């Protein structure tokens, strides 16, 4: 949500308490969606890191 969208939403809503509640709900929905995307991407990264360190560990173990 951009600043302009936020200003438009506030101007469209009359009651400030109601406006604050709706804005908070929209922000939480965006945050939840963003968090889910980040978790998916990080999961892939950690799998790759885990595999790489496991292979390195096998190599070091073989050499010793």
Protein backbone atom coordinates (compact mmCIF):
# COMPACT_ATOMS: atom_id res chain seq x y z
CA UNK A 1 0.00 0.00 0.00
CA UNK A 2 1.49 3.31 -1.07
CA UNK A 3 1.16 6.62 0.73
CA UNK A 4 -1.27 7.90 -1.89
CA UNK A 5 -3.49 4.83 -1.48
CA UNK A 6 -3.40 5.33 2.28
CA UNK A 7 -4.41 8.99 1.97
CA UNK A 8 -7.24 8.08 -0.42
CA UNK A 9 -8.49 5.39 1.95
CA UNK A 10 -8.46 7.80 4.89
CA UNK A 11 -10.29 10.47 2.92
CA UNK A 12 -12.91 7.95 1.75
CA UNK A 13 -13.66 6.88 5.30
CA UNK A 14 -15.42 9.27 7.63
CA UNK A 15 -15.02 7.78 11.10
CA UNK A 16 -11.38 7.84 12.23
CA UNK A 17 -11.67 4.78 14.46
CA UNK A 18 -13.23 2.81 11.65
CA UNK A 19 -10.61 4.12 9.22
CA UNK A 20 -7.79 3.15 11.55
CA UNK A 21 -9.21 -0.36 11.96
CA UNK A 22 -9.58 -0.90 8.22
CA UNK A 23 -6.10 0.44 7.48
CA UNK A 24 -4.61 -1.77 10.18
CA UNK A 25 -6.39 -4.81 8.72
CA UNK A 26 -5.12 -4.03 5.22
CA UNK A 27 -1.56 -3.60 6.48
CA UNK A 28 -1.72 -6.89 8.39
CA UNK A 29 -3.02 -8.69 5.29
CA UNK A 30 -0.15 -7.30 3.19
CA UNK A 31 2.34 -8.21 5.91
CA UNK A 32 1.03 -11.77 6.14
CA UNK A 33 1.29 -12.24 2.38
CA UNK A 34 4.81 -10.77 2.35
CA UNK A 35 5.91 -12.97 5.26
CA UNK A 36 4.68 -16.10 3.48
CA UNK A 37 6.62 -15.20 0.33
CA UNK A 38 9.79 -14.53 2.31
CA UNK A 39 9.48 -17.83 4.19
CA UNK A 40 9.15 -19.76 0.92
CA UNK A 41 12.25 -18.11 -0.51
CA UNK A 42 14.26 -18.59 2.67
CA UNK A 43 13.29 -22.25 2.86
CA UNK A 44 14.87 -22.81 -0.56
CA UNK A 45 18.03 -20.99 0.49
CA UNK A 46 18.40 -22.98 3.72
CA UNK A 47 17.91 -26.28 1.87
CA UNK A 48 20.72 -25.33 -0.52
CA UNK A 49 22.98 -24.25 2.36
CA UNK A 50 22.26 -27.47 4.26
CA UNK A 51 23.07 -29.62 1.25
CA UNK A 52 26.29 -27.72 0.56
CA UNK A 53 27.51 -28.02 4.16
CA UNK A 54 26.60 -31.71 4.24
CA UNK A 55 28.62 -32.35 1.09
CA UNK A 56 31.56 -30.38 2.50
CA UNK A 57 31.30 -32.38 5.72
CA UNK A 58 31.37 -35.65 3.79
CA UNK A 59 34.43 -34.47 1.87
CA UNK A 60 36.29 -33.46 5.03
CA UNK A 61 35.34 -36.72 6.70
CA UNK A 62 36.60 -38.70 3.74
CA UNK A 63 39.94 -36.88 3.80
CA UNK A 64 40.47 -37.49 7.50
